[in-house]
Amino acid sequence: FGAVTNNGSNETLATPTRTGETFVLNTSLNTADGSDDCRMYLWTATAANTSSGTVVSATGMGTENPKSGISVLVYRGSGGLGTAATQDNSTAATDNLTRAQDNSHVAKMMRDWSNAGDGDVDASPTGTVRMEVTISTQADVFMLSWGNQGVAGTTAYGVSGHASTDDWTAIGIEVKGQ
């Protein structure tokens, strides 16, 4: 699914690899600028088989204390991917994603620079917080997902209960239902 890095250090991530799969960059944010916003990538792949395996991505280290991570979500029986929605330099903890197909799921990765360390963040609307990581003195990173969203349409996805008003970098995507 996605990965984040500390952009101020010019840290990069290589396209992930896993035996038998080809990852394609769906979209990215802040990969060409030198600002302090984080870099974010959304790679996708269609599994060649049902075996387990490790997904890896090489890190190109920058000059600061780089922090990076990658999250992988697996969806079975999907009708493919919808359009990704990106969010950058916004203080809003949610943003709209338009689902083109009924019964789709949604996945989203978010990062801010607050280092708020909230332990009780919720997915908004009600969903699943798959990962919540506070990088000491750096940032908060969230991986969220929402199951069957019913009828196609537009919904604001993100987090609630987070103390930060810092700017967010986020990528969300529709995983189409069948």
N, C-alpha and C. Protein backbone atom coordinates (compact mmCIF):
# COMPACT_ATOMS: atom_id res chain seq x y z
N PHE A 1 0.82 -1.20 0.00
CA PHE A 1 0.00 0.00 0.00
C PHE A 1 0.85 1.25 0.00
N GLY A 2 1.38 1.63 1.12
CA GLY A 2 2.00 2.94 1.14
C GLY A 2 3.20 3.02 2.05
N ALA A 3 3.92 4.12 1.89
CA ALA A 3 5.10 4.36 2.68
C ALA A 3 5.27 5.84 2.90
N VAL A 4 5.90 6.19 4.01
CA VAL A 4 6.18 7.59 4.31
C VAL A 4 7.63 7.73 4.71
N THR A 5 8.20 8.89 4.42
CA THR A 5 9.56 9.21 4.83
C THR A 5 9.61 10.66 5.29
N ASN A 6 10.69 11.00 5.93
CA ASN A 6 10.96 12.37 6.35
C ASN A 6 11.55 13.12 5.17
N ASN A 7 10.80 14.02 4.58
CA ASN A 7 11.25 14.70 3.37
C ASN A 7 12.36 15.70 3.61
N GLY A 8 12.39 16.30 4.78
CA GLY A 8 13.42 17.29 5.05
C GLY A 8 14.82 16.72 4.93
N SER A 9 14.95 15.41 5.09
CA SER A 9 16.26 14.77 4.98
C SER A 9 16.53 14.27 3.57
N ASN A 10 15.55 14.49 2.65
CA ASN A 10 15.65 13.99 1.29
C ASN A 10 15.79 12.47 1.24
N GLU A 11 15.21 11.79 2.21
CA GLU A 11 15.19 10.34 2.24
C GLU A 11 14.22 9.83 1.17
N THR A 12 14.58 8.77 0.49
CA THR A 12 13.72 8.19 -0.54
C THR A 12 13.47 6.72 -0.25
N LEU A 13 12.42 6.19 -0.86
CA LEU A 13 12.15 4.76 -0.79
C LEU A 13 12.09 4.22 -2.21
N ALA A 14 12.69 3.06 -2.41
CA ALA A 14 12.64 2.41 -3.71
C ALA A 14 11.31 1.66 -3.84
N THR A 15 10.94 1.37 -5.08
CA THR A 15 9.74 0.58 -5.32
C THR A 15 9.85 -0.74 -4.56
N PRO A 16 8.81 -1.12 -3.82
CA PRO A 16 8.87 -2.37 -3.04
C PRO A 16 9.03 -3.59 -3.95
N THR A 17 9.54 -4.65 -3.35
CA THR A 17 9.67 -5.91 -4.07
C THR A 17 9.15 -7.05 -3.21
N ARG A 18 8.65 -8.06 -3.88
CA ARG A 18 8.27 -9.34 -3.28
C ARG A 18 8.34 -10.35 -4.40
N THR A 19 8.88 -11.51 -4.14
CA THR A 19 9.03 -12.54 -5.16
C THR A 19 7.70 -12.80 -5.86
N GLY A 20 7.71 -12.69 -7.19
CA GLY A 20 6.54 -13.01 -7.99
C GLY A 20 5.56 -11.87 -8.18
N GLU A 21 5.86 -10.68 -7.65
CA GLU A 21 4.93 -9.55 -7.79
C GLU A 21 5.65 -8.33 -8.36
N THR A 22 4.89 -7.52 -9.07
CA THR A 22 5.41 -6.28 -9.62
C THR A 22 4.61 -5.13 -9.04
N PHE A 23 5.28 -4.26 -8.30
CA PHE A 23 4.63 -3.11 -7.71
C PHE A 23 4.68 -1.93 -8.67
N VAL A 24 3.58 -1.19 -8.73
CA VAL A 24 3.46 -0.03 -9.60
C VAL A 24 3.14 1.18 -8.73
N LEU A 25 3.81 2.30 -8.98
CA LEU A 25 3.52 3.52 -8.25
C LEU A 25 2.19 4.08 -8.73
N ASN A 26 1.20 4.11 -7.83
CA ASN A 26 -0.13 4.62 -8.16
C ASN A 26 -0.13 6.14 -8.08
N THR A 27 0.41 6.68 -6.98
CA THR A 27 0.52 8.13 -6.80
C THR A 27 1.53 8.40 -5.69
N SER A 28 1.98 9.65 -5.61
CA SER A 28 2.92 10.04 -4.56
C SER A 28 2.74 11.52 -4.25
N LEU A 29 3.31 11.93 -3.13
CA LEU A 29 3.28 13.33 -2.70
C LEU A 29 4.67 13.76 -2.26
N ASN A 30 5.05 14.96 -2.60
CA ASN A 30 6.26 15.61 -2.10
C ASN A 30 7.55 14.86 -2.42
N THR A 31 7.58 14.09 -3.50
CA THR A 31 8.80 13.34 -3.80
C THR A 31 9.84 14.16 -4.54
N ALA A 32 9.48 15.32 -5.03
CA ALA A 32 10.43 16.13 -5.79
C ALA A 32 10.79 17.44 -5.11
N ASP A 33 10.17 17.73 -3.95
CA ASP A 33 10.51 19.00 -3.31
C ASP A 33 11.39 18.77 -2.09
N GLY A 34 12.03 19.79 -1.63
CA GLY A 34 12.93 19.69 -0.50
C GLY A 34 12.33 20.26 0.77
N SER A 35 11.02 20.42 0.81
CA SER A 35 10.38 21.00 1.98
C SER A 35 10.39 20.02 3.14
N ASP A 36 9.89 20.46 4.26
CA ASP A 36 9.81 19.59 5.43
C ASP A 36 8.56 18.73 5.45
N ASP A 37 7.72 18.81 4.43
CA ASP A 37 6.58 17.90 4.36
C ASP A 37 7.10 16.49 4.13
N CYS A 38 6.34 15.50 4.59
CA CYS A 38 6.82 14.13 4.38
C CYS A 38 6.55 13.68 2.95
N ARG A 39 7.39 12.77 2.50
CA ARG A 39 7.18 12.11 1.22
C ARG A 39 6.25 10.94 1.47
N MET A 40 5.35 10.71 0.53
CA MET A 40 4.41 9.60 0.69
C MET A 40 4.21 8.95 -0.66
N TYR A 41 4.18 7.63 -0.64
CA TYR A 41 4.04 6.83 -1.86
C TYR A 41 2.87 5.86 -1.71
N LEU A 42 2.20 5.57 -2.82
CA LEU A 42 1.17 4.53 -2.85
C LEU A 42 1.51 3.59 -4.01
N TRP A 43 2.01 2.41 -3.66
CA TRP A 43 2.30 1.39 -4.64
C TRP A 43 1.22 0.32 -4.56
N THR A 44 0.93 -0.31 -5.68
CA THR A 44 -0.04 -1.41 -5.71
C THR A 44 0.53 -2.56 -6.52
N ALA A 45 0.05 -3.76 -6.21
CA ALA A 45 0.46 -4.96 -6.95
C ALA A 45 -0.68 -5.97 -6.89
N THR A 46 -0.77 -6.78 -7.90
CA THR A 46 -1.71 -7.90 -7.89
C THR A 46 -0.91 -9.14 -7.54
N ALA A 47 -1.33 -9.83 -6.49
CA ALA A 47 -0.60 -11.01 -6.02
C ALA A 47 -0.59 -12.10 -7.08
N ALA A 48 0.57 -12.69 -7.28
CA ALA A 48 0.72 -13.77 -8.25
C ALA A 48 0.25 -15.10 -7.67
N ASN A 49 0.21 -15.18 -6.35
CA ASN A 49 -0.21 -16.42 -5.69
C ASN A 49 -0.70 -16.10 -4.29
N THR A 50 -1.11 -17.10 -3.56
CA THR A 50 -1.65 -16.89 -2.21
C THR A 50 -0.63 -17.17 -1.12
N SER A 51 0.62 -17.36 -1.49
CA SER A 51 1.63 -17.64 -0.48
C SER A 51 1.98 -16.39 0.32
N SER A 52 2.56 -16.61 1.48
CA SER A 52 3.02 -15.48 2.28
C SER A 52 4.43 -15.09 1.81
N GLY A 53 4.85 -13.93 2.18
CA GLY A 53 6.17 -13.46 1.80
C GLY A 53 6.43 -12.10 2.40
N THR A 54 7.62 -11.62 2.23
CA THR A 54 8.04 -10.34 2.78
C THR A 54 8.11 -9.30 1.68
N VAL A 55 7.54 -8.13 1.96
CA VAL A 55 7.63 -7.00 1.05
C VAL A 55 8.71 -6.07 1.59
N VAL A 56 9.66 -5.69 0.75
CA VAL A 56 10.76 -4.83 1.19
C VAL A 56 10.90 -3.63 0.27
N SER A 57 11.46 -2.55 0.80
CA SER A 57 11.76 -1.35 0.03
C SER A 57 13.07 -0.77 0.54
N ALA A 58 14.01 -0.56 -0.36
CA ALA A 58 15.30 0.00 0.03
C ALA A 58 15.15 1.48 0.36
N THR A 59 15.85 1.92 1.39
CA THR A 59 15.80 3.30 1.83
C THR A 59 17.08 4.02 1.41
N GLY A 60 16.91 5.19 0.79
CA GLY A 60 18.05 6.05 0.49
C GLY A 60 18.14 7.09 1.57
N MET A 61 19.11 7.02 2.42
CA MET A 61 19.21 7.90 3.58
C MET A 61 19.60 9.31 3.19
N GLY A 62 19.02 10.26 3.90
CA GLY A 62 19.34 11.66 3.71
C GLY A 62 20.31 12.13 4.77
N THR A 63 20.31 13.43 5.04
CA THR A 63 21.29 14.02 5.94
C THR A 63 20.80 14.16 7.37
N GLU A 64 19.48 14.09 7.60
CA GLU A 64 18.95 14.24 8.95
C GLU A 64 18.76 12.86 9.58
N ASN A 65 17.98 12.83 10.66
CA ASN A 65 17.65 11.57 11.32
C ASN A 65 16.42 11.01 10.64
N PRO A 66 16.59 10.29 9.53
CA PRO A 66 15.42 9.88 8.75
C PRO A 66 14.57 8.84 9.46
N LYS A 67 13.29 8.95 9.23
CA LYS A 67 12.31 8.01 9.75
C LYS A 67 11.44 7.60 8.58
N SER A 68 11.31 6.31 8.34
CA SER A 68 10.45 5.86 7.26
C SER A 68 9.74 4.59 7.67
N GLY A 69 8.70 4.26 6.94
CA GLY A 69 7.97 3.04 7.21
C GLY A 69 7.12 2.67 6.02
N ILE A 70 6.73 1.40 5.99
CA ILE A 70 5.88 0.92 4.91
C ILE A 70 4.79 0.05 5.52
N SER A 71 3.58 0.19 5.01
CA SER A 71 2.45 -0.62 5.43
C SER A 71 1.92 -1.37 4.23
N VAL A 72 1.57 -2.62 4.43
CA VAL A 72 1.04 -3.45 3.36
C VAL A 72 -0.32 -3.98 3.78
N LEU A 73 -1.33 -3.75 2.95
CA LEU A 73 -2.66 -4.31 3.17
C LEU A 73 -2.96 -5.25 2.01
N VAL A 74 -3.61 -6.36 2.30
CA VAL A 74 -3.97 -7.34 1.28
C VAL A 74 -5.49 -7.40 1.19
N TYR A 75 -6.01 -7.26 -0.02
CA TYR A 75 -7.45 -7.39 -0.27
C TYR A 75 -7.65 -8.53 -1.25
N ARG A 76 -8.57 -9.44 -0.92
CA ARG A 76 -8.89 -10.56 -1.80
C ARG A 76 -10.27 -10.34 -2.42
N GLY A 77 -10.44 -10.77 -3.64
CA GLY A 77 -11.74 -10.68 -4.28
C GLY A 77 -12.15 -9.26 -4.63
N SER A 78 -11.19 -8.40 -4.91
CA SER A 78 -11.48 -7.00 -5.23
C SER A 78 -11.80 -6.84 -6.71
N GLY A 79 -12.54 -5.78 -7.01
CA GLY A 79 -12.82 -5.42 -8.39
C GLY A 79 -11.80 -4.44 -8.95
N GLY A 80 -10.67 -4.28 -8.28
CA GLY A 80 -9.63 -3.35 -8.72
C GLY A 80 -9.57 -2.12 -7.84
N LEU A 81 -8.88 -1.11 -8.31
CA LEU A 81 -8.69 0.12 -7.53
C LEU A 81 -9.42 1.28 -8.17
N GLY A 82 -9.90 2.16 -7.31
CA GLY A 82 -10.50 3.41 -7.77
C GLY A 82 -9.42 4.48 -7.78
N THR A 83 -9.85 5.71 -7.87
CA THR A 83 -8.93 6.84 -7.89
C THR A 83 -8.42 7.14 -6.49
N ALA A 84 -7.15 7.46 -6.38
CA ALA A 84 -6.58 7.84 -5.10
C ALA A 84 -6.92 9.30 -4.80
N ALA A 85 -7.08 9.61 -3.53
CA ALA A 85 -7.28 10.99 -3.08
C ALA A 85 -6.09 11.38 -2.23
N THR A 86 -5.51 12.55 -2.52
CA THR A 86 -4.34 13.00 -1.77
C THR A 86 -4.68 14.26 -0.98
N GLN A 87 -3.94 14.44 0.09
CA GLN A 87 -4.12 15.60 0.97
C GLN A 87 -2.74 16.06 1.39
N ASP A 88 -2.47 17.37 1.26
CA ASP A 88 -1.16 17.88 1.62
C ASP A 88 -1.30 19.31 2.13
N ASN A 89 -0.54 19.64 3.16
CA ASN A 89 -0.55 20.98 3.74
C ASN A 89 -1.94 21.41 4.19
N SER A 90 -2.67 20.50 4.78
CA SER A 90 -4.00 20.79 5.27
C SER A 90 -4.07 20.48 6.76
N THR A 91 -4.75 21.32 7.51
CA THR A 91 -4.91 21.05 8.94
C THR A 91 -6.14 20.19 9.21
N ALA A 92 -6.91 19.86 8.19
CA ALA A 92 -8.11 19.03 8.36
C ALA A 92 -7.69 17.57 8.59
N ALA A 93 -8.28 16.94 9.59
CA ALA A 93 -7.95 15.55 9.91
C ALA A 93 -8.72 14.55 9.05
N THR A 94 -9.59 15.05 8.17
CA THR A 94 -10.30 14.21 7.20
C THR A 94 -10.29 14.92 5.85
N ASP A 95 -10.45 14.15 4.79
CA ASP A 95 -10.66 14.74 3.47
C ASP A 95 -11.48 13.77 2.63
N ASN A 96 -12.08 14.32 1.58
CA ASN A 96 -13.03 13.54 0.77
C ASN A 96 -12.34 12.56 -0.16
N LEU A 97 -12.98 11.39 -0.27
CA LEU A 97 -12.61 10.40 -1.26
C LEU A 97 -13.90 9.96 -1.93
N THR A 98 -13.92 9.93 -3.24
CA THR A 98 -15.11 9.54 -3.99
C THR A 98 -14.97 8.08 -4.42
N ARG A 99 -15.92 7.26 -3.97
CA ARG A 99 -15.97 5.86 -4.35
C ARG A 99 -16.84 5.71 -5.59
N ALA A 100 -16.30 5.11 -6.65
CA ALA A 100 -17.01 4.98 -7.92
C ALA A 100 -17.88 3.73 -8.00
N GLN A 101 -17.68 2.80 -7.08
CA GLN A 101 -18.37 1.52 -7.16
C GLN A 101 -18.98 1.16 -5.81
N ASP A 102 -20.14 0.51 -5.85
CA ASP A 102 -20.78 0.04 -4.63
C ASP A 102 -19.91 -1.01 -3.92
N ASN A 103 -20.09 -1.11 -2.61
CA ASN A 103 -19.46 -2.14 -1.77
C ASN A 103 -17.94 -2.07 -1.73
N SER A 104 -17.39 -0.91 -2.00
CA SER A 104 -15.94 -0.74 -1.96
C SER A 104 -15.44 -0.58 -0.53
N HIS A 105 -14.16 -0.87 -0.36
CA HIS A 105 -13.44 -0.61 0.88
C HIS A 105 -12.57 0.61 0.63
N VAL A 106 -12.05 1.20 1.70
CA VAL A 106 -11.16 2.36 1.59
C VAL A 106 -9.96 2.12 2.50
N ALA A 107 -8.78 2.46 2.00
CA ALA A 107 -7.56 2.40 2.80
C ALA A 107 -6.88 3.76 2.74
N LYS A 108 -6.27 4.17 3.86
CA LYS A 108 -5.66 5.50 3.90
C LYS A 108 -4.47 5.51 4.84
N MET A 109 -3.38 6.17 4.39
CA MET A 109 -2.23 6.40 5.23
C MET A 109 -2.13 7.90 5.47
N MET A 110 -1.85 8.30 6.73
CA MET A 110 -1.77 9.71 7.10
C MET A 110 -0.52 9.95 7.96
N ARG A 111 0.05 11.14 7.81
CA ARG A 111 1.17 11.53 8.68
C ARG A 111 1.09 13.02 8.93
N ASP A 112 1.38 13.40 10.17
CA ASP A 112 1.51 14.82 10.52
C ASP A 112 2.79 15.00 11.32
N TRP A 113 3.14 16.24 11.58
CA TRP A 113 4.39 16.55 12.28
C TRP A 113 4.18 16.90 13.74
N SER A 114 3.04 16.56 14.30
CA SER A 114 2.72 17.03 15.65
C SER A 114 3.41 16.29 16.77
N ASN A 115 3.66 14.98 16.58
CA ASN A 115 4.18 14.16 17.66
C ASN A 115 3.25 14.21 18.87
N ALA A 116 1.93 14.26 18.62
CA ALA A 116 0.95 14.34 19.70
C ALA A 116 0.89 13.05 20.51
N GLY A 117 1.14 11.92 19.87
CA GLY A 117 1.17 10.65 20.59
C GLY A 117 -0.17 10.25 21.17
N ASP A 118 -1.27 10.59 20.50
CA ASP A 118 -2.59 10.23 21.00
C ASP A 118 -2.79 8.72 20.97
N GLY A 119 -3.19 8.15 22.08
CA GLY A 119 -3.41 6.71 22.16
C GLY A 119 -4.81 6.28 21.80
N ASP A 120 -5.74 7.20 21.71
CA ASP A 120 -7.14 6.85 21.46
C ASP A 120 -7.68 7.46 20.18
N VAL A 121 -6.90 7.49 19.14
CA VAL A 121 -7.37 8.01 17.86
C VAL A 121 -8.35 7.02 17.26
N ASP A 122 -9.41 7.54 16.66
CA ASP A 122 -10.40 6.70 15.99
C ASP A 122 -10.40 7.01 14.50
N ALA A 123 -10.80 6.00 13.72
CA ALA A 123 -11.01 6.23 12.29
C ALA A 123 -12.34 6.97 12.14
N SER A 124 -12.37 7.94 11.23
CA SER A 124 -13.58 8.71 10.99
C SER A 124 -13.90 8.68 9.50
N PRO A 125 -15.12 8.19 9.11
CA PRO A 125 -16.16 7.61 9.96
C PRO A 125 -15.66 6.30 10.58
N THR A 126 -16.51 5.64 11.32
CA THR A 126 -16.11 4.42 12.02
C THR A 126 -15.43 3.44 11.07
N GLY A 127 -14.23 3.05 11.43
CA GLY A 127 -13.43 2.13 10.64
C GLY A 127 -12.41 1.48 11.55
N THR A 128 -11.28 1.08 10.98
CA THR A 128 -10.25 0.38 11.75
C THR A 128 -8.93 1.14 11.67
N VAL A 129 -8.35 1.41 12.84
CA VAL A 129 -7.00 1.97 12.91
C VAL A 129 -6.05 0.78 12.87
N ARG A 130 -5.39 0.57 11.76
CA ARG A 130 -4.51 -0.60 11.56
C ARG A 130 -3.13 -0.37 12.17
N MET A 131 -2.69 0.87 12.17
CA MET A 131 -1.38 1.20 12.71
C MET A 131 -1.40 2.63 13.23
N GLU A 132 -0.82 2.81 14.38
CA GLU A 132 -0.64 4.15 14.94
C GLU A 132 0.74 4.19 15.56
N VAL A 133 1.61 5.03 15.01
CA VAL A 133 2.98 5.10 15.46
C VAL A 133 3.34 6.55 15.74
N THR A 134 3.92 6.79 16.91
CA THR A 134 4.47 8.10 17.22
C THR A 134 5.98 7.99 17.11
N ILE A 135 6.56 8.78 16.24
CA ILE A 135 8.01 8.82 16.09
C ILE A 135 8.49 9.94 16.99
N SER A 136 9.17 9.58 18.05
CA SER A 136 9.56 10.52 19.09
C SER A 136 10.15 11.79 18.51
N THR A 137 9.62 12.91 18.95
CA THR A 137 10.00 14.27 18.55
C THR A 137 9.85 14.53 17.05
N GLN A 138 9.16 13.65 16.33
CA GLN A 138 9.04 13.80 14.88
C GLN A 138 7.60 13.92 14.41
N ALA A 139 6.82 12.84 14.50
CA ALA A 139 5.53 12.82 13.81
C ALA A 139 4.64 11.70 14.33
N ASP A 140 3.40 11.72 13.87
CA ASP A 140 2.46 10.63 14.10
C ASP A 140 2.08 10.06 12.74
N VAL A 141 2.02 8.73 12.64
CA VAL A 141 1.69 8.05 11.40
C VAL A 141 0.52 7.11 11.67
N PHE A 142 -0.45 7.12 10.75
CA PHE A 142 -1.64 6.28 10.90
C PHE A 142 -1.91 5.52 9.61
N MET A 143 -2.30 4.26 9.74
CA MET A 143 -2.80 3.45 8.63
C MET A 143 -4.21 3.06 9.01
N LEU A 144 -5.17 3.39 8.15
CA LEU A 144 -6.59 3.19 8.47
C LEU A 144 -7.28 2.44 7.34
N SER A 145 -8.38 1.76 7.68
CA SER A 145 -9.17 1.12 6.63
C SER A 145 -10.64 1.12 7.03
N TRP A 146 -11.48 1.08 6.01
CA TRP A 146 -12.93 1.05 6.18
C TRP A 146 -13.46 -0.07 5.31
N GLY A 147 -14.25 -0.97 5.91
CA GLY A 147 -14.84 -2.10 5.18
C GLY A 147 -15.91 -1.63 4.22
N ASN A 148 -16.71 -2.54 3.76
CA ASN A 148 -17.76 -2.29 2.78
C ASN A 148 -18.47 -0.97 3.07
N GLN A 149 -18.36 -0.02 2.14
CA GLN A 149 -18.91 1.32 2.33
C GLN A 149 -20.27 1.50 1.66
N GLY A 150 -20.88 0.39 1.20
CA GLY A 150 -22.23 0.47 0.65
C GLY A 150 -22.25 1.14 -0.72
N VAL A 151 -23.22 2.02 -0.89
CA VAL A 151 -23.45 2.68 -2.18
C VAL A 151 -22.30 3.64 -2.51
N ALA A 152 -21.92 3.68 -3.79
CA ALA A 152 -20.87 4.59 -4.25
C ALA A 152 -21.21 6.02 -3.86
N GLY A 153 -20.19 6.83 -3.61
CA GLY A 153 -20.40 8.23 -3.25
C GLY A 153 -19.15 8.83 -2.64
N THR A 154 -19.29 10.03 -2.11
CA THR A 154 -18.17 10.76 -1.53
C THR A 154 -18.31 10.81 -0.02
N THR A 155 -17.22 10.49 0.67
CA THR A 155 -17.19 10.50 2.14
C THR A 155 -15.86 11.10 2.58
N ALA A 156 -15.88 11.83 3.70
CA ALA A 156 -14.65 12.35 4.29
C ALA A 156 -14.05 11.28 5.19
N TYR A 157 -12.83 10.85 4.89
CA TYR A 157 -12.13 9.81 5.66
C TYR A 157 -10.93 10.41 6.36
N GLY A 158 -10.62 9.90 7.54
CA GLY A 158 -9.45 10.35 8.29
C GLY A 158 -9.50 9.88 9.72
N VAL A 159 -9.05 10.76 10.64
CA VAL A 159 -9.01 10.42 12.05
C VAL A 159 -9.82 11.42 12.86
N SER A 160 -10.27 10.97 14.01
CA SER A 160 -10.88 11.86 15.00
C SER A 160 -10.21 11.60 16.34
N GLY A 161 -10.25 12.58 17.22
CA GLY A 161 -9.64 12.44 18.53
C GLY A 161 -8.15 12.68 18.55
N HIS A 162 -7.62 13.28 17.50
CA HIS A 162 -6.19 13.56 17.45
C HIS A 162 -5.97 15.01 17.85
N ALA A 163 -5.02 15.26 18.73
CA ALA A 163 -4.81 16.59 19.30
C ALA A 163 -4.15 17.57 18.33
N SER A 164 -3.61 17.08 17.24
CA SER A 164 -2.82 17.92 16.35
C SER A 164 -3.67 18.86 15.50
N THR A 165 -3.11 20.02 15.24
CA THR A 165 -3.65 20.91 14.21
C THR A 165 -2.56 21.19 13.18
N ASP A 166 -1.50 20.37 13.17
CA ASP A 166 -0.43 20.48 12.19
C ASP A 166 -0.93 20.10 10.81
N ASP A 167 -0.10 20.35 9.80
CA ASP A 167 -0.54 19.97 8.46
C ASP A 167 -0.34 18.46 8.23
N TRP A 168 -1.28 17.90 7.49
CA TRP A 168 -1.32 16.48 7.19
C TRP A 168 -0.81 16.22 5.78
N THR A 169 -0.22 15.08 5.61
CA THR A 169 0.04 14.50 4.30
C THR A 169 -0.68 13.16 4.33
N ALA A 170 -1.50 12.87 3.31
CA ALA A 170 -2.30 11.64 3.32
C ALA A 170 -2.59 11.17 1.91
N ILE A 171 -2.70 9.87 1.76
CA ILE A 171 -3.17 9.25 0.52
C ILE A 171 -4.19 8.20 0.89
N GLY A 172 -5.36 8.29 0.27
CA GLY A 172 -6.40 7.28 0.45
C GLY A 172 -6.77 6.71 -0.90
N ILE A 173 -7.31 5.48 -0.90
CA ILE A 173 -7.69 4.86 -2.17
C ILE A 173 -8.90 3.95 -1.98
N GLU A 174 -9.72 3.91 -3.01
CA GLU A 174 -10.86 3.00 -3.05
C GLU A 174 -10.39 1.64 -3.53
N VAL A 175 -10.74 0.59 -2.78
CA VAL A 175 -10.52 -0.78 -3.22
C VAL A 175 -11.90 -1.28 -3.62
N LYS A 176 -12.13 -1.39 -4.93
CA LYS A 176 -13.49 -1.62 -5.45
C LYS A 176 -14.04 -2.98 -5.01
N GLY A 177 -15.35 -2.95 -4.70
CA GLY A 177 -16.05 -4.19 -4.42
C GLY A 177 -16.30 -4.93 -5.72
N GLN A 178 -16.80 -6.14 -5.60
CA GLN A 178 -17.09 -6.91 -6.82
C GLN A 178 -18.49 -6.68 -7.29
